[in-house]
Structures are given as structure tokens and as C-alpha cells.
Amino acid sequence: MKFSFPQRCVEVWNGLDKRVVEARTINKLKEMLPIPWLLFALGEVIKNLLNGRDPGDINPIEVKSDGMACSIMLLFGMLMFVIVAIACSKWKMNKGLGMTMFVLYFIFVMVSLFFEYDIIFCFI
């Protein structure tokens, strides 16, 4: 018997062990996300120890984004467009809604990159 792709995904999801999909496992995965930052800091400590400096003398990691305020506003705007698109499709997932979401995501990424690389200037 042939199944569609969504049906096969549901079959696979239902066949997974409960420990794989429970919230505790997902939260543990989220807790592991800062591992790259910790590895970078550990590397800095080791570098300071090898150079004879104070191990706690770590330069702060600078996170800079000039267009972040506009990107956040764009994100909320895109959220509104997604809600409108879902409502227009009568709250049912179909190919048109999927393509609309893909196009909206592509536009969001493109405009965010334009803000970041000063192709479009953030007015805030």
C-alpha cells in the first residue's frame, strides 16, 4: 500500500521511541547549543595560559548587527504576512501555502542580509 510523504512522516514519528521525542530530550538539546561559545572561551583560556597571561583575561566576543532593529521589525511584519497567508488558505496546509511561506522566508533572509551589508539602510 502506498502512502504519501506526510503519511510516511507521521508513521515514522509515531514509531519513534518516546524518549526521543519527549520535552526533556529536546530541552537537553537546547542546553547544548552554547557549546561553540564555550569551546571558543576554552581556547582563549588555553591560549592565555600558553602565552603566560592571566587565564581570565579573555577579550569579550563582540556581536554587532547594525540592522538588527529593522530585522526584528521585518520579522514581526513577516509573522503577520504568514498569519494572513494561513487564514487565506482557510487554515489548511497546501502547496500554495507552502510556497508562500518559502517565498516569505526567502524575502526575510534577503532583506535581513541587505540590512546587514548596508545595501538597504535601516531607518531606526
N, C-alpha and C. Protein backbone atom coordinates (compact mmCIF):
# COMPACT_ATOMS: atom_id res chain seq x y z
N MET A 1 0.84 -1.17 0.00
CA MET A 1 0.00 0.00 0.00
C MET A 1 0.89 1.24 0.00
N LYS A 2 0.67 2.17 -0.91
CA LYS A 2 1.48 3.38 -1.00
C LYS A 2 0.91 4.44 -0.06
N PHE A 3 1.82 5.17 0.54
CA PHE A 3 1.44 6.28 1.40
C PHE A 3 2.06 7.55 0.86
N SER A 4 1.42 8.67 1.12
CA SER A 4 2.01 9.95 0.72
C SER A 4 3.14 10.28 1.68
N PHE A 5 3.95 11.26 1.28
CA PHE A 5 5.10 11.65 2.11
C PHE A 5 4.68 12.07 3.52
N PRO A 6 3.64 12.94 3.69
CA PRO A 6 3.24 13.30 5.05
C PRO A 6 2.80 12.10 5.88
N GLN A 7 2.11 11.16 5.25
CA GLN A 7 1.67 9.97 5.99
C GLN A 7 2.87 9.14 6.44
N ARG A 8 3.87 9.04 5.57
CA ARG A 8 5.09 8.28 5.96
C ARG A 8 5.80 8.99 7.11
N CYS A 9 5.84 10.34 7.07
CA CYS A 9 6.49 11.09 8.16
C CYS A 9 5.78 10.84 9.48
N VAL A 10 4.45 10.84 9.45
CA VAL A 10 3.67 10.59 10.67
C VAL A 10 3.92 9.17 11.15
N GLU A 11 3.99 8.21 10.24
CA GLU A 11 4.26 6.82 10.62
C GLU A 11 5.63 6.72 11.31
N VAL A 12 6.63 7.38 10.73
CA VAL A 12 7.97 7.34 11.32
C VAL A 12 7.96 8.00 12.69
N TRP A 13 7.32 9.19 12.79
CA TRP A 13 7.26 9.91 14.06
C TRP A 13 6.57 9.06 15.13
N ASN A 14 5.46 8.41 14.78
CA ASN A 14 4.74 7.58 15.74
C ASN A 14 5.54 6.34 16.11
N GLY A 15 6.43 5.91 15.23
CA GLY A 15 7.22 4.73 15.51
C GLY A 15 8.46 5.01 16.35
N LEU A 16 8.77 6.30 16.57
CA LEU A 16 9.95 6.62 17.36
C LEU A 16 9.74 6.27 18.82
N ASP A 17 10.84 5.98 19.48
CA ASP A 17 10.79 5.71 20.91
C ASP A 17 10.36 6.99 21.62
N LYS A 18 9.56 6.86 22.67
CA LYS A 18 9.04 8.05 23.36
C LYS A 18 10.15 8.89 23.96
N ARG A 19 11.27 8.27 24.32
CA ARG A 19 12.37 9.03 24.90
C ARG A 19 12.97 10.01 23.90
N VAL A 20 12.85 9.72 22.61
CA VAL A 20 13.43 10.58 21.59
C VAL A 20 12.66 11.87 21.45
N VAL A 21 11.35 11.82 21.58
CA VAL A 21 10.52 12.98 21.29
C VAL A 21 9.97 13.68 22.52
N GLU A 22 10.34 13.27 23.70
CA GLU A 22 9.79 13.93 24.88
C GLU A 22 10.49 15.27 25.11
N ALA A 23 9.83 16.14 25.82
CA ALA A 23 10.29 17.52 26.01
C ALA A 23 11.64 17.57 26.73
N ARG A 24 11.88 16.66 27.63
CA ARG A 24 13.14 16.67 28.38
C ARG A 24 14.33 16.48 27.43
N THR A 25 14.19 15.58 26.46
CA THR A 25 15.25 15.34 25.49
C THR A 25 15.48 16.57 24.62
N ILE A 26 14.40 17.21 24.21
CA ILE A 26 14.52 18.41 23.38
C ILE A 26 15.15 19.54 24.17
N ASN A 27 14.81 19.68 25.46
CA ASN A 27 15.42 20.72 26.29
C ASN A 27 16.90 20.47 26.49
N LYS A 28 17.29 19.20 26.62
CA LYS A 28 18.71 18.89 26.75
C LYS A 28 19.47 19.31 25.48
N LEU A 29 18.84 19.12 24.32
CA LEU A 29 19.46 19.54 23.07
C LEU A 29 19.62 21.06 23.05
N LYS A 30 18.60 21.78 23.52
CA LYS A 30 18.70 23.24 23.56
C LYS A 30 19.80 23.70 24.51
N GLU A 31 20.01 22.98 25.60
CA GLU A 31 21.05 23.35 26.54
C GLU A 31 22.44 23.15 25.95
N MET A 32 22.59 22.28 24.96
CA MET A 32 23.89 22.03 24.36
C MET A 32 24.25 23.08 23.31
N LEU A 33 23.33 23.95 22.95
CA LEU A 33 23.57 24.91 21.88
C LEU A 33 24.73 25.87 22.14
N PRO A 34 25.01 26.30 23.40
CA PRO A 34 26.13 27.23 23.57
C PRO A 34 27.50 26.56 23.56
N ILE A 35 27.58 25.29 23.17
CA ILE A 35 28.86 24.59 23.18
C ILE A 35 29.90 25.29 22.31
N PRO A 36 29.60 25.81 21.11
CA PRO A 36 30.65 26.51 20.35
C PRO A 36 31.22 27.71 21.09
N TRP A 37 30.37 28.46 21.81
CA TRP A 37 30.87 29.61 22.58
C TRP A 37 31.79 29.13 23.70
N LEU A 38 31.40 28.04 24.35
CA LEU A 38 32.23 27.52 25.43
C LEU A 38 33.57 27.01 24.90
N LEU A 39 33.56 26.35 23.75
CA LEU A 39 34.81 25.88 23.15
C LEU A 39 35.71 27.05 22.77
N PHE A 40 35.13 28.13 22.25
CA PHE A 40 35.91 29.31 21.91
C PHE A 40 36.55 29.90 23.17
N ALA A 41 35.76 30.03 24.25
CA ALA A 41 36.28 30.58 25.51
C ALA A 41 37.37 29.68 26.08
N LEU A 42 37.19 28.36 25.99
CA LEU A 42 38.21 27.43 26.46
C LEU A 42 39.50 27.59 25.66
N GLY A 43 39.36 27.76 24.36
CA GLY A 43 40.53 28.00 23.52
C GLY A 43 41.27 29.27 23.91
N GLU A 44 40.51 30.32 24.23
CA GLU A 44 41.13 31.58 24.67
C GLU A 44 41.87 31.40 26.00
N VAL A 45 41.28 30.65 26.92
CA VAL A 45 41.93 30.39 28.21
C VAL A 45 43.23 29.63 27.99
N ILE A 46 43.20 28.60 27.15
CA ILE A 46 44.41 27.82 26.88
C ILE A 46 45.46 28.69 26.20
N LYS A 47 45.05 29.54 25.26
CA LYS A 47 45.99 30.44 24.59
C LYS A 47 46.63 31.40 25.60
N ASN A 48 45.83 31.92 26.54
CA ASN A 48 46.38 32.81 27.56
C ASN A 48 47.36 32.08 28.47
N LEU A 49 47.04 30.83 28.83
CA LEU A 49 47.96 30.06 29.67
C LEU A 49 49.28 29.80 28.96
N LEU A 50 49.22 29.48 27.66
CA LEU A 50 50.44 29.22 26.90
C LEU A 50 51.29 30.46 26.71
N ASN A 51 50.64 31.64 26.67
CA ASN A 51 51.36 32.90 26.49
C ASN A 51 51.75 33.54 27.82
N GLY A 52 51.46 32.87 28.94
CA GLY A 52 51.86 33.38 30.24
C GLY A 52 50.98 34.52 30.74
N ARG A 53 49.81 34.65 30.22
CA ARG A 53 48.91 35.71 30.69
C ARG A 53 47.88 35.13 31.64
N ASP A 54 47.11 36.01 32.26
CA ASP A 54 46.05 35.60 33.17
C ASP A 54 44.99 34.84 32.38
N PRO A 55 44.63 33.61 32.81
CA PRO A 55 43.65 32.84 32.06
C PRO A 55 42.27 33.51 31.98
N GLY A 56 41.94 34.36 32.95
CA GLY A 56 40.65 35.03 32.95
C GLY A 56 40.62 36.27 32.07
N ASP A 57 41.76 36.60 31.46
CA ASP A 57 41.84 37.79 30.61
C ASP A 57 41.38 37.44 29.19
N ILE A 58 40.09 37.28 29.06
CA ILE A 58 39.52 36.90 27.77
C ILE A 58 38.84 38.12 27.16
N ASN A 59 39.19 38.42 25.94
CA ASN A 59 38.53 39.53 25.27
C ASN A 59 37.07 39.16 25.02
N PRO A 60 36.17 40.11 25.24
CA PRO A 60 34.76 39.80 25.00
C PRO A 60 34.49 39.54 23.52
N ILE A 61 33.55 38.68 23.26
CA ILE A 61 33.15 38.39 21.89
C ILE A 61 32.14 39.44 21.49
N GLU A 62 32.48 40.22 20.49
CA GLU A 62 31.62 41.31 20.07
C GLU A 62 30.59 40.82 19.06
N VAL A 63 29.35 41.04 19.39
CA VAL A 63 28.26 40.73 18.47
C VAL A 63 27.72 42.06 18.00
N LYS A 64 27.83 42.29 16.70
CA LYS A 64 27.43 43.59 16.17
C LYS A 64 26.52 43.37 14.97
N SER A 65 25.40 44.05 15.00
CA SER A 65 24.48 43.99 13.88
C SER A 65 23.77 45.33 13.79
N ASP A 66 24.13 46.10 12.78
CA ASP A 66 23.56 47.43 12.65
C ASP A 66 22.09 47.38 12.27
N GLY A 67 21.68 46.38 11.52
CA GLY A 67 20.31 46.32 11.06
C GLY A 67 19.41 45.44 11.90
N MET A 68 19.82 45.15 13.15
CA MET A 68 19.06 44.21 13.96
C MET A 68 17.66 44.74 14.28
N ALA A 69 17.52 46.01 14.61
CA ALA A 69 16.21 46.57 14.94
C ALA A 69 15.27 46.45 13.75
N CYS A 70 15.76 46.77 12.57
CA CYS A 70 14.92 46.66 11.38
C CYS A 70 14.62 45.19 11.06
N SER A 71 15.57 44.31 11.30
CA SER A 71 15.33 42.89 11.06
C SER A 71 14.25 42.36 11.99
N ILE A 72 14.24 42.82 13.24
CA ILE A 72 13.22 42.39 14.18
C ILE A 72 11.85 42.91 13.74
N MET A 73 11.80 44.18 13.31
CA MET A 73 10.54 44.72 12.80
C MET A 73 10.09 43.95 11.55
N LEU A 74 11.05 43.61 10.69
CA LEU A 74 10.73 42.83 9.50
C LEU A 74 10.20 41.45 9.89
N LEU A 75 10.78 40.86 10.93
CA LEU A 75 10.32 39.55 11.40
C LEU A 75 8.87 39.61 11.86
N PHE A 76 8.51 40.64 12.61
CA PHE A 76 7.12 40.78 13.05
C PHE A 76 6.19 41.02 11.87
N GLY A 77 6.66 41.80 10.90
CA GLY A 77 5.86 42.01 9.70
C GLY A 77 5.65 40.72 8.94
N MET A 78 6.70 39.92 8.81
CA MET A 78 6.59 38.64 8.12
C MET A 78 5.66 37.70 8.89
N LEU A 79 5.69 37.76 10.21
CA LEU A 79 4.79 36.95 11.01
C LEU A 79 3.34 37.30 10.68
N MET A 80 3.07 38.57 10.53
CA MET A 80 1.71 38.99 10.16
C MET A 80 1.35 38.47 8.77
N PHE A 81 2.29 38.54 7.82
CA PHE A 81 2.03 38.01 6.48
C PHE A 81 1.76 36.50 6.52
N VAL A 82 2.50 35.79 7.36
CA VAL A 82 2.29 34.34 7.48
C VAL A 82 0.90 34.05 8.03
N ILE A 83 0.50 34.79 9.05
CA ILE A 83 -0.84 34.57 9.63
C ILE A 83 -1.91 34.86 8.59
N VAL A 84 -1.73 35.94 7.82
CA VAL A 84 -2.70 36.26 6.77
C VAL A 84 -2.71 35.16 5.70
N ALA A 85 -1.53 34.67 5.32
CA ALA A 85 -1.46 33.61 4.31
C ALA A 85 -2.15 32.34 4.80
N ILE A 86 -1.96 32.00 6.07
CA ILE A 86 -2.61 30.82 6.63
C ILE A 86 -4.12 31.01 6.64
N ALA A 87 -4.56 32.21 7.02
CA ALA A 87 -6.00 32.49 7.04
C ALA A 87 -6.58 32.44 5.62
N CYS A 88 -5.84 32.94 4.64
CA CYS A 88 -6.32 32.92 3.25
C CYS A 88 -6.43 31.49 2.71
N SER A 89 -5.62 30.59 3.24
CA SER A 89 -5.71 29.20 2.79
C SER A 89 -6.71 28.40 3.63
N LYS A 90 -7.53 29.13 4.38
CA LYS A 90 -8.58 28.53 5.22
C LYS A 90 -8.02 27.56 6.25
N TRP A 91 -6.84 27.93 6.80
CA TRP A 91 -6.20 27.20 7.88
C TRP A 91 -5.84 25.77 7.50
N LYS A 92 -5.60 25.54 6.22
CA LYS A 92 -5.19 24.21 5.75
C LYS A 92 -3.87 24.33 5.01
N MET A 93 -3.00 23.38 5.27
CA MET A 93 -1.70 23.36 4.59
C MET A 93 -1.88 22.77 3.21
N ASN A 94 -1.40 23.50 2.21
CA ASN A 94 -1.43 23.00 0.85
C ASN A 94 -0.17 23.49 0.14
N LYS A 95 0.00 23.13 -1.11
CA LYS A 95 1.22 23.50 -1.83
C LYS A 95 1.36 25.01 -1.97
N GLY A 96 0.24 25.69 -2.20
CA GLY A 96 0.28 27.14 -2.34
C GLY A 96 0.75 27.82 -1.07
N LEU A 97 0.26 27.35 0.08
CA LEU A 97 0.68 27.92 1.36
C LEU A 97 2.15 27.61 1.63
N GLY A 98 2.57 26.40 1.29
CA GLY A 98 3.98 26.04 1.47
C GLY A 98 4.89 26.91 0.63
N MET A 99 4.51 27.14 -0.61
CA MET A 99 5.32 28.01 -1.48
C MET A 99 5.30 29.45 -0.98
N THR A 100 4.14 29.90 -0.49
CA THR A 100 4.06 31.25 0.06
C THR A 100 4.99 31.42 1.25
N MET A 101 5.01 30.43 2.13
CA MET A 101 5.90 30.50 3.29
C MET A 101 7.37 30.47 2.86
N PHE A 102 7.68 29.66 1.87
CA PHE A 102 9.06 29.61 1.37
C PHE A 102 9.46 30.96 0.79
N VAL A 103 8.59 31.57 0.01
CA VAL A 103 8.89 32.87 -0.59
C VAL A 103 9.03 33.94 0.49
N LEU A 104 8.14 33.92 1.49
CA LEU A 104 8.24 34.90 2.58
C LEU A 104 9.54 34.73 3.35
N TYR A 105 9.94 33.49 3.60
CA TYR A 105 11.21 33.25 4.30
C TYR A 105 12.39 33.74 3.47
N PHE A 106 12.37 33.47 2.16
CA PHE A 106 13.44 33.92 1.28
C PHE A 106 13.53 35.44 1.29
N ILE A 107 12.38 36.11 1.24
CA ILE A 107 12.37 37.58 1.28
C ILE A 107 12.93 38.07 2.61
N PHE A 108 12.55 37.43 3.71
CA PHE A 108 13.07 37.84 5.02
C PHE A 108 14.59 37.72 5.08
N VAL A 109 15.11 36.59 4.65
CA VAL A 109 16.57 36.39 4.68
C VAL A 109 17.27 37.39 3.77
N MET A 110 16.73 37.60 2.59
CA MET A 110 17.34 38.52 1.64
C MET A 110 17.37 39.95 2.19
N VAL A 111 16.24 40.42 2.72
CA VAL A 111 16.19 41.79 3.24
C VAL A 111 17.07 41.93 4.48
N SER A 112 17.11 40.91 5.34
CA SER A 112 17.99 40.95 6.51
C SER A 112 19.45 41.06 6.10
N LEU A 113 19.83 40.31 5.08
CA LEU A 113 21.21 40.40 4.59
C LEU A 113 21.48 41.77 3.97
N PHE A 114 20.50 42.34 3.29
CA PHE A 114 20.65 43.68 2.74
C PHE A 114 20.87 44.69 3.85
N PHE A 115 20.15 44.55 4.97
CA PHE A 115 20.37 45.44 6.12
C PHE A 115 21.78 45.26 6.67
N GLU A 116 22.20 44.01 6.79
CA GLU A 116 23.50 43.72 7.39
C GLU A 116 24.65 44.25 6.55
N TYR A 117 24.53 44.17 5.23
CA TYR A 117 25.62 44.60 4.35
C TYR A 117 25.39 45.99 3.78
N ASP A 118 24.51 46.78 4.41
CA ASP A 118 24.26 48.18 4.07
C ASP A 118 23.84 48.39 2.62
N ILE A 119 23.15 47.45 2.05
CA ILE A 119 22.56 47.65 0.73
C ILE A 119 21.27 48.43 0.91
N ILE A 120 20.51 48.09 1.96
CA ILE A 120 19.36 48.85 2.39
C ILE A 120 19.71 49.40 3.77
N PHE A 121 19.47 50.68 3.97
CA PHE A 121 19.82 51.29 5.26
C PHE A 121 18.65 51.23 6.22
N CYS A 122 18.96 50.87 7.43
CA CYS A 122 17.95 50.79 8.49
C CYS A 122 17.61 52.20 8.94
N PHE A 123 16.35 52.54 8.96
CA PHE A 123 15.94 53.89 9.33
C PHE A 123 15.82 54.09 10.84
N ILE A 124 15.98 53.03 11.62
CA ILE A 124 15.89 53.14 13.09
C ILE A 124 17.26 53.35 13.67
